[in-house]
Amino acid sequence: MPKTNDPRAQLKRDAALAAVAQIRDGMHVGLGTGSTSAFAIDGIGRRLQAGDLKNIVAVATSRRAAELAGRYGIPLTELDQVAQLDIAIDGADEVDPNCDLIKGAGGAMLLEKTVEQRAVRLVIIVDESKLVSKLGSRFPVPVEVAEDGWQSTRDALAALGCEVSLRNDDHGPFVTDSHNFILDCGFRDGIDNPRDLAAKLDKLAGVRGHGLFLGMASEILVAAPGGVRSIVPQR
């Protein structure tokens, strides 16, 4: 069981369990990556072990998610082996009033997006601190880039009006599961037009993926001290 010895962790767990309650027998499920998604994986595993959930198959969005699922005995398959997913459950770094998202603090947004675009429903689980009036207000946009020529990609990103930094870990540049680097792009006053920015990022040579998840969420489950509420996008 992930630790719940602080109030924020408890909120993450509450949101995760509300999402896990939507999973039914026989579903194909996408498993997100990150601290909030870890609570969802735990909840799925406990339902399986209790016999409350049967015959599901899951697709993980990272090696970390796959390893955690394995510990809980959650059956896994590859995305190419399923036509579509019934539901995907994942966290987010920011959620705006349109239910658009910034994701990728955990460095898995490329496979997360690939998996979650195949889901009939994408349920996002967050605590209330992740709600923002404008994307980019608190978190940079992570952009996954090819290692070769990353400096040129950095310069092209900076020309879009952001401050760009190479993500590092204890061993040097952070390397994703897809063997790419991540450039975190901070916008001082937030992002005025996320869709325009996403379109520009999609066209840049060297960009393999980015953390703007726009128009993808089916439901946002927001945990607060008073309980979990559901936000459904109006599209």
C-alpha atoms as a PDB file:
ATOM      1  CA  MET A   1       0.000   0.000   0.000  1.00  0.00           C
ATOM      2  CA  PRO A   2       1.455   3.416  -0.901  1.00  0.00           C
ATOM      3  CA  LYS A   3       2.035   5.617   2.105  1.00  0.00           C
ATOM      4  CA  THR A   4      -0.903   7.698   3.320  1.00  0.00           C
ATOM      5  CA  ASN A   5       0.703   9.376   6.305  1.00  0.00           C
ATOM      6  CA  ASP A   6       0.007  12.902   5.084  1.00  0.00           C
ATOM      7  CA  PRO A   7      -3.238  14.642   4.140  1.00  0.00           C
ATOM      8  CA  ARG A   8      -2.342  15.148   0.476  1.00  0.00           C
ATOM      9  CA  ALA A   9      -1.484  11.479   0.031  1.00  0.00           C
ATOM     10  CA  GLN A  10      -4.858  10.576   1.529  1.00  0.00           C
ATOM     11  CA  LEU A  11      -6.588  12.844  -0.994  1.00  0.00           C
ATOM     12  CA  LYS A  12      -4.736  11.155  -3.844  1.00  0.00           C
ATOM     13  CA  ARG A  13      -5.834   7.784  -2.528  1.00  0.00           C
ATOM     14  CA  ASP A  14      -9.463   8.935  -2.256  1.00  0.00           C
ATOM     15  CA  ALA A  15      -9.509  10.098  -5.883  1.00  0.00           C
ATOM     16  CA  ALA A  16      -7.799   6.916  -7.056  1.00  0.00           C
ATOM     17  CA  LEU A  17     -10.225   4.605  -5.303  1.00  0.00           C
ATOM     18  CA  ALA A  18     -13.189   6.516  -6.744  1.00  0.00           C
ATOM     19  CA  ALA A  19     -11.796   5.811 -10.214  1.00  0.00           C
ATOM     20  CA  VAL A  20     -10.987   2.177  -9.476  1.00  0.00           C
ATOM     21  CA  ALA A  21     -14.616   1.658  -8.441  1.00  0.00           C
ATOM     22  CA  GLN A  22     -15.576   2.269 -12.098  1.00  0.00           C
ATOM     23  CA  ILE A  23     -13.662  -0.784 -13.343  1.00  0.00           C
ATOM     24  CA  ARG A  24     -15.805  -3.817 -14.152  1.00  0.00           C
ATOM     25  CA  ASP A  25     -15.029  -7.480 -14.806  1.00  0.00           C
ATOM     26  CA  GLY A  26     -13.438  -8.187 -18.174  1.00  0.00           C
ATOM     27  CA  MET A  27     -12.289  -4.624 -18.873  1.00  0.00           C
ATOM     28  CA  HIS A  28      -9.077  -3.583 -20.603  1.00  0.00           C
ATOM     29  CA  VAL A  29      -7.502  -0.942 -18.362  1.00  0.00           C
ATOM     30  CA  GLY A  30      -4.762   1.631 -18.916  1.00  0.00           C
ATOM     31  CA  LEU A  31      -2.510   2.162 -15.900  1.00  0.00           C
ATOM     32  CA  GLY A  32      -1.009   5.612 -15.479  1.00  0.00           C
ATOM     33  CA  THR A  33       2.337   6.537 -13.994  1.00  0.00           C
ATOM     34  CA  GLY A  34       3.079   8.582 -10.881  1.00  0.00           C
ATOM     35  CA  SER A  35       2.288   8.835  -7.198  1.00  0.00           C
ATOM     36  CA  THR A  36      -1.474   9.229  -7.638  1.00  0.00           C
ATOM     37  CA  SER A  37      -1.691   6.432 -10.189  1.00  0.00           C
ATOM     38  CA  ALA A  38       0.178   4.187  -7.753  1.00  0.00           C
ATOM     39  CA  PHE A  39      -2.842   4.369  -5.450  1.00  0.00           C
ATOM     40  CA  ALA A  40      -5.063   3.295  -8.356  1.00  0.00           C
ATOM     41  CA  ILE A  41      -2.812   0.329  -9.144  1.00  0.00           C
ATOM     42  CA  ASP A  42      -2.904  -0.627  -5.482  1.00  0.00           C
ATOM     43  CA  GLY A  43      -6.694  -0.386  -5.454  1.00  0.00           C
ATOM     44  CA  ILE A  44      -7.034  -2.548  -8.564  1.00  0.00           C
ATOM     45  CA  GLY A  45      -4.717  -5.144  -7.082  1.00  0.00           C
ATOM     46  CA  ARG A  46      -6.682  -5.280  -3.854  1.00  0.00           C
ATOM     47  CA  ARG A  47      -9.963  -5.714  -5.724  1.00  0.00           C
ATOM     48  CA  LEU A  48      -8.442  -8.586  -7.701  1.00  0.00           C
ATOM     49  CA  GLN A  49      -7.073 -10.237  -4.590  1.00  0.00           C
ATOM     50  CA  ALA A  50     -10.422  -9.928  -2.830  1.00  0.00           C
ATOM     51  CA  GLY A  51     -12.254 -11.511  -5.778  1.00  0.00           C
ATOM     52  CA  ASP A  52     -14.265  -8.339  -6.297  1.00  0.00           C
ATOM     53  CA  LEU A  53     -12.776  -7.901  -9.780  1.00  0.00           C
ATOM     54  CA  LYS A  54     -12.054 -10.585 -12.361  1.00  0.00           C
ATOM     55  CA  ASN A  55     -10.663 -11.125 -15.839  1.00  0.00           C
ATOM     56  CA  ILE A  56      -9.223  -7.669 -16.421  1.00  0.00           C
ATOM     57  CA  VAL A  57      -6.158  -7.031 -18.555  1.00  0.00           C
ATOM     58  CA  ALA A  58      -4.061  -3.912 -18.126  1.00  0.00           C
ATOM     59  CA  VAL A  59      -1.634  -1.903 -20.237  1.00  0.00           C
ATOM     60  CA  ALA A  60       1.034   0.023 -18.320  1.00  0.00           C
ATOM     61  CA  THR A  61       2.310   3.428 -19.379  1.00  0.00           C
ATOM     62  CA  SER A  62       5.842   2.971 -18.044  1.00  0.00           C
ATOM     63  CA  ARG A  63       8.249   0.403 -16.667  1.00  0.00           C
ATOM     64  CA  ARG A  64       7.528   1.734 -13.181  1.00  0.00           C
ATOM     65  CA  ALA A  65       3.783   1.205 -13.598  1.00  0.00           C
ATOM     66  CA  ALA A  66       4.376  -2.278 -15.022  1.00  0.00           C
ATOM     67  CA  GLU A  67       6.615  -3.225 -12.094  1.00  0.00           C
ATOM     68  CA  LEU A  68       4.057  -2.006  -9.579  1.00  0.00           C
ATOM     69  CA  ALA A  69       1.242  -3.839 -11.363  1.00  0.00           C
ATOM     70  CA  GLY A  70       3.321  -7.007 -11.283  1.00  0.00           C
ATOM     71  CA  ARG A  71       3.683  -6.761  -7.516  1.00  0.00           C
ATOM     72  CA  TYR A  72      -0.094  -6.688  -7.178  1.00  0.00           C
ATOM     73  CA  GLY A  73      -0.678  -9.533  -9.616  1.00  0.00           C
ATOM     74  CA  ILE A  74      -2.434  -7.396 -12.222  1.00  0.00           C
ATOM     75  CA  PRO A  75      -2.370  -9.177 -15.614  1.00  0.00           C
ATOM     76  CA  LEU A  76      -0.538  -7.100 -18.217  1.00  0.00           C
ATOM     77  CA  THR A  77      -0.460  -7.046 -21.989  1.00  0.00           C
ATOM     78  CA  GLU A  78       1.039  -4.799 -24.664  1.00  0.00           C
ATOM     79  CA  LEU A  79      -0.977  -2.040 -26.262  1.00  0.00           C
ATOM     80  CA  ASP A  80      -0.618  -3.648 -29.692  1.00  0.00           C
ATOM     81  CA  GLN A  81      -2.456  -6.714 -28.377  1.00  0.00           C
ATOM     82  CA  VAL A  82      -5.743  -4.896 -27.662  1.00  0.00           C
ATOM     83  CA  ALA A  83      -8.038  -3.075 -30.061  1.00  0.00           C
ATOM     84  CA  GLN A  84      -8.957  -0.477 -27.472  1.00  0.00           C
ATOM     85  CA  LEU A  85      -9.050   0.123 -23.742  1.00  0.00           C
ATOM     86  CA  ASP A  86     -12.312   0.465 -21.849  1.00  0.00           C
ATOM     87  CA  ILE A  87     -10.840   2.875 -19.324  1.00  0.00           C
ATOM     88  CA  ALA A  88      -7.530   4.492 -18.452  1.00  0.00           C
ATOM     89  CA  ILE A  89      -6.798   6.011 -15.055  1.00  0.00           C
ATOM     90  CA  ASP A  90      -4.020   8.532 -14.551  1.00  0.00           C
ATOM     91  CA  GLY A  91      -3.019  11.627 -12.623  1.00  0.00           C
ATOM     92  CA  ALA A  92      -2.186  15.107 -13.896  1.00  0.00           C
ATOM     93  CA  ASP A  93       0.063  17.992 -12.923  1.00  0.00           C
ATOM     94  CA  GLU A  94      -2.467  20.671 -13.852  1.00  0.00           C
ATOM     95  CA  VAL A  95      -6.147  20.681 -14.826  1.00  0.00           C
ATOM     96  CA  ASP A  96      -7.772  23.812 -16.249  1.00  0.00           C
ATOM     97  CA  PRO A  97     -11.499  24.708 -16.387  1.00  0.00           C
ATOM     98  CA  ASN A  98     -11.807  23.032 -19.820  1.00  0.00           C
ATOM     99  CA  CYS A  99     -10.483  19.765 -18.356  1.00  0.00           C
ATOM    100  CA  ASP A 100      -7.323  20.153 -20.411  1.00  0.00           C
ATOM    101  CA  LEU A 101      -4.173  18.876 -18.760  1.00  0.00           C
ATOM    102  CA  ILE A 102      -0.458  19.194 -18.292  1.00  0.00           C
ATOM    103  CA  LYS A 103       1.126  15.833 -17.579  1.00  0.00           C
ATOM    104  CA  GLY A 104       4.639  14.490 -17.545  1.00  0.00           C
ATOM    105  CA  ALA A 105       6.275  15.378 -14.244  1.00  0.00           C
ATOM    106  CA  GLY A 106       7.042  11.664 -13.977  1.00  0.00           C
ATOM    107  CA  GLY A 107       8.583  11.591 -17.444  1.00  0.00           C
ATOM    108  CA  ALA A 108       6.160   9.097 -19.015  1.00  0.00           C
ATOM    109  CA  MET A 109       3.879  11.363 -21.045  1.00  0.00           C
ATOM    110  CA  LEU A 110       4.769   9.924 -24.468  1.00  0.00           C
ATOM    111  CA  LEU A 111       3.548   6.413 -23.699  1.00  0.00           C
ATOM    112  CA  GLU A 112       0.795   7.781 -21.448  1.00  0.00           C
ATOM    113  CA  LYS A 113      -0.633   9.710 -24.376  1.00  0.00           C
ATOM    114  CA  THR A 114      -0.239   6.760 -26.741  1.00  0.00           C
ATOM    115  CA  VAL A 115      -2.096   4.467 -24.344  1.00  0.00           C
ATOM    116  CA  GLU A 116      -4.740   6.934 -23.221  1.00  0.00           C
ATOM    117  CA  GLN A 117      -5.726   7.935 -26.745  1.00  0.00           C
ATOM    118  CA  ARG A 118      -6.832   4.318 -27.170  1.00  0.00           C
ATOM    119  CA  ALA A 119      -9.143   4.429 -24.151  1.00  0.00           C
ATOM    120  CA  VAL A 120     -12.903   4.854 -24.447  1.00  0.00           C
ATOM    121  CA  ARG A 121     -12.759   6.782 -21.177  1.00  0.00           C
ATOM    122  CA  LEU A 122      -9.829   8.598 -19.594  1.00  0.00           C
ATOM    123  CA  VAL A 123     -10.443   9.252 -15.909  1.00  0.00           C
ATOM    124  CA  ILE A 124      -8.045  11.735 -14.341  1.00  0.00           C
ATOM    125  CA  ILE A 125      -7.466  11.587 -10.590  1.00  0.00           C
ATOM    126  CA  VAL A 126      -6.129  14.619  -8.724  1.00  0.00           C
ATOM    127  CA  ASP A 127      -6.286  16.443  -5.445  1.00  0.00           C
ATOM    128  CA  GLU A 128      -7.685  19.961  -5.512  1.00  0.00           C
ATOM    129  CA  SER A 129      -4.222  21.582  -5.608  1.00  0.00           C
ATOM    130  CA  LYS A 130      -3.908  20.540  -9.271  1.00  0.00           C
ATOM    131  CA  LEU A 131      -6.773  22.768 -10.434  1.00  0.00           C
ATOM    132  CA  VAL A 132      -5.596  25.939 -12.179  1.00  0.00           C
ATOM    133  CA  SER A 133      -7.301  28.758 -14.029  1.00  0.00           C
ATOM    134  CA  LYS A 134      -4.682  28.632 -16.798  1.00  0.00           C
ATOM    135  CA  LEU A 135      -2.379  25.841 -17.932  1.00  0.00           C
ATOM    136  CA  GLY A 136       1.270  26.525 -17.281  1.00  0.00           C
ATOM    137  CA  SER A 137       0.532  28.597 -14.200  1.00  0.00           C
ATOM    138  CA  ARG A 138       2.481  26.309 -11.860  1.00  0.00           C
ATOM    139  CA  PHE A 139       4.102  23.569 -13.927  1.00  0.00           C
ATOM    140  CA  PRO A 140       6.254  23.714 -17.038  1.00  0.00           C
ATOM    141  CA  VAL A 141       5.225  21.790 -20.121  1.00  0.00           C
ATOM    142  CA  PRO A 142       7.500  18.748 -20.471  1.00  0.00           C
ATOM    143  CA  VAL A 143       8.603  18.071 -24.024  1.00  0.00           C
ATOM    144  CA  GLU A 144      10.209  14.743 -24.899  1.00  0.00           C
ATOM    145  CA  VAL A 145      12.944  15.210 -27.492  1.00  0.00           C
ATOM    146  CA  ALA A 146      15.432  13.103 -29.395  1.00  0.00           C
ATOM    147  CA  GLU A 147      18.812  12.948 -27.687  1.00  0.00           C
ATOM    148  CA  ASP A 148      20.604  13.715 -30.945  1.00  0.00           C
ATOM    149  CA  GLY A 149      20.405  17.422 -31.626  1.00  0.00           C
ATOM    150  CA  TRP A 150      18.529  18.240 -28.439  1.00  0.00           C
ATOM    151  CA  GLN A 151      20.272  21.605 -28.164  1.00  0.00           C
ATOM    152  CA  SER A 152      18.785  22.715 -31.485  1.00  0.00           C
ATOM    153  CA  THR A 153      15.362  21.584 -30.317  1.00  0.00           C
ATOM    154  CA  ARG A 154      15.910  23.525 -27.094  1.00  0.00           C
ATOM    155  CA  ASP A 155      16.598  26.688 -29.099  1.00  0.00           C
ATOM    156  CA  ALA A 156      13.492  26.159 -31.231  1.00  0.00           C
ATOM    157  CA  LEU A 157      11.383  25.740 -28.098  1.00  0.00           C
ATOM    158  CA  ALA A 158      12.844  28.873 -26.520  1.00  0.00           C
ATOM    159  CA  ALA A 159      11.785  30.794 -29.633  1.00  0.00           C
ATOM    160  CA  LEU A 160       8.178  30.015 -28.654  1.00  0.00           C
ATOM    161  CA  GLY A 161       8.587  32.307 -25.648  1.00  0.00           C
ATOM    162  CA  CYS A 162       9.365  29.881 -22.849  1.00  0.00           C
ATOM    163  CA  GLU A 163      12.246  29.224 -20.512  1.00  0.00           C
ATOM    164  CA  VAL A 164      13.697  25.818 -21.339  1.00  0.00           C
ATOM    165  CA  SER A 165      15.668  23.558 -19.032  1.00  0.00           C
ATOM    166  CA  LEU A 166      17.019  20.055 -19.586  1.00  0.00           C
ATOM    167  CA  ARG A 167      15.627  17.655 -16.993  1.00  0.00           C
ATOM    168  CA  ASN A 168      18.313  15.907 -14.976  1.00  0.00           C
ATOM    169  CA  ASP A 169      18.489  13.155 -12.395  1.00  0.00           C
ATOM    170  CA  ASP A 170      21.324  11.857 -10.219  1.00  0.00           C
ATOM    171  CA  HIS A 171      23.084  10.394 -13.261  1.00  0.00           C
ATOM    172  CA  GLY A 172      22.894  13.376 -15.598  1.00  0.00           C
ATOM    173  CA  PRO A 173      20.157  14.037 -18.174  1.00  0.00           C
ATOM    174  CA  PHE A 174      16.926  12.201 -17.368  1.00  0.00           C
ATOM    175  CA  VAL A 175      16.324   9.489 -19.967  1.00  0.00           C
ATOM    176  CA  THR A 176      12.789   8.308 -20.661  1.00  0.00           C
ATOM    177  CA  ASP A 177      11.670   4.730 -21.252  1.00  0.00           C
ATOM    178  CA  SER A 178      11.809   5.584 -24.966  1.00  0.00           C
ATOM    179  CA  HIS A 179      15.454   6.704 -24.622  1.00  0.00           C
ATOM    180  CA  ASN A 180      14.760  10.395 -25.119  1.00  0.00           C
ATOM    181  CA  PHE A 181      15.523  13.542 -23.116  1.00  0.00           C
ATOM    182  CA  ILE A 182      12.957  15.878 -21.551  1.00  0.00           C
ATOM    183  CA  LEU A 183      13.015  19.647 -21.907  1.00  0.00           C
ATOM    184  CA  ASP A 184      10.799  21.435 -19.390  1.00  0.00           C
ATOM    185  CA  CYS A 185       9.267  24.580 -20.884  1.00  0.00           C
ATOM    186  CA  GLY A 186       8.111  27.214 -18.416  1.00  0.00           C
ATOM    187  CA  PHE A 187       5.792  30.052 -19.404  1.00  0.00           C
ATOM    188  CA  ARG A 188       6.068  32.997 -17.032  1.00  0.00           C
ATOM    189  CA  ASP A 189       2.405  34.032 -17.324  1.00  0.00           C
ATOM    190  CA  GLY A 190       0.935  30.662 -18.228  1.00  0.00           C
ATOM    191  CA  ILE A 191      -0.162  29.480 -21.660  1.00  0.00           C
ATOM    192  CA  ASP A 192      -2.595  31.778 -23.449  1.00  0.00           C
ATOM    193  CA  ASN A 193      -3.562  29.317 -26.186  1.00  0.00           C
ATOM    194  CA  PRO A 194      -2.743  25.674 -25.342  1.00  0.00           C
ATOM    195  CA  ARG A 195      -4.050  24.343 -28.645  1.00  0.00           C
ATOM    196  CA  ASP A 196      -1.908  26.700 -30.666  1.00  0.00           C
ATOM    197  CA  LEU A 197       1.121  25.738 -28.587  1.00  0.00           C
ATOM    198  CA  ALA A 198       0.379  22.030 -28.977  1.00  0.00           C
ATOM    199  CA  ALA A 199       0.142  22.417 -32.744  1.00  0.00           C
ATOM    200  CA  LYS A 200       3.508  24.186 -32.842  1.00  0.00           C
ATOM    201  CA  LEU A 201       5.134  21.535 -30.674  1.00  0.00           C
ATOM    202  CA  ASP A 202       3.747  18.775 -32.880  1.00  0.00           C
ATOM    203  CA  LYS A 203       5.446  20.337 -35.908  1.00  0.00           C
ATOM    204  CA  LEU A 204       8.909  20.788 -34.411  1.00  0.00           C
ATOM    205  CA  ALA A 205      11.587  18.421 -35.665  1.00  0.00           C
ATOM    206  CA  GLY A 206      13.155  16.601 -32.767  1.00  0.00           C
ATOM    207  CA  VAL A 207      10.020  16.655 -30.612  1.00  0.00           C
ATOM    208  CA  ARG A 208       8.797  13.155 -29.850  1.00  0.00           C
ATOM    209  CA  GLY A 209       5.910  14.126 -27.595  1.00  0.00           C
ATOM    210  CA  HIS A 210       4.722  16.676 -25.062  1.00  0.00           C
ATOM    211  CA  GLY A 211       2.682  16.982 -21.900  1.00  0.00           C
ATOM    212  CA  LEU A 212      -0.279  18.947 -23.217  1.00  0.00           C
ATOM    213  CA  PHE A 213      -3.217  16.524 -23.049  1.00  0.00           C
ATOM    214  CA  LEU A 214      -6.016  18.503 -24.647  1.00  0.00           C
ATOM    215  CA  GLY A 215      -9.571  17.300 -25.138  1.00  0.00           C
ATOM    216  CA  MET A 216      -8.697  13.828 -23.861  1.00  0.00           C
ATOM    217  CA  ALA A 217     -10.144  13.590 -20.352  1.00  0.00           C
ATOM    218  CA  SER A 218     -13.599  12.063 -19.983  1.00  0.00           C
ATOM    219  CA  GLU A 219     -13.869  12.864 -16.286  1.00  0.00           C
ATOM    220  CA  ILE A 220     -11.811  14.553 -13.593  1.00  0.00           C
ATOM    221  CA  LEU A 221     -12.133  13.152 -10.082  1.00  0.00           C
ATOM    222  CA  VAL A 222     -11.022  15.841  -7.649  1.00  0.00           C
ATOM    223  CA  ALA A 223     -10.358  14.948  -4.028  1.00  0.00           C
ATOM    224  CA  ALA A 224     -10.711  17.567  -1.294  1.00  0.00           C
ATOM    225  CA  PRO A 225     -11.117  17.275   2.485  1.00  0.00           C
ATOM    226  CA  GLY A 226     -14.895  17.265   2.002  1.00  0.00           C
ATOM    227  CA  GLY A 227     -14.879  14.355  -0.435  1.00  0.00           C
ATOM    228  CA  VAL A 228     -14.379  13.510  -4.107  1.00  0.00           C
ATOM    229  CA  ARG A 229     -16.265  15.420  -6.794  1.00  0.00           C
ATOM    230  CA  SER A 230     -16.575  14.682 -10.478  1.00  0.00           C
ATOM    231  CA  ILE A 231     -15.995  17.229 -13.239  1.00  0.00           C
ATOM    232  CA  VAL A 232     -17.097  16.284 -16.737  1.00  0.00           C
ATOM    233  CA  PRO A 233     -15.882  18.419 -19.665  1.00  0.00           C
ATOM    234  CA  GLN A 234     -18.507  20.332 -21.609  1.00  0.00           C
ATOM    235  CA  ARG A 235     -17.683  19.633 -25.236  1.00  0.00           C
END
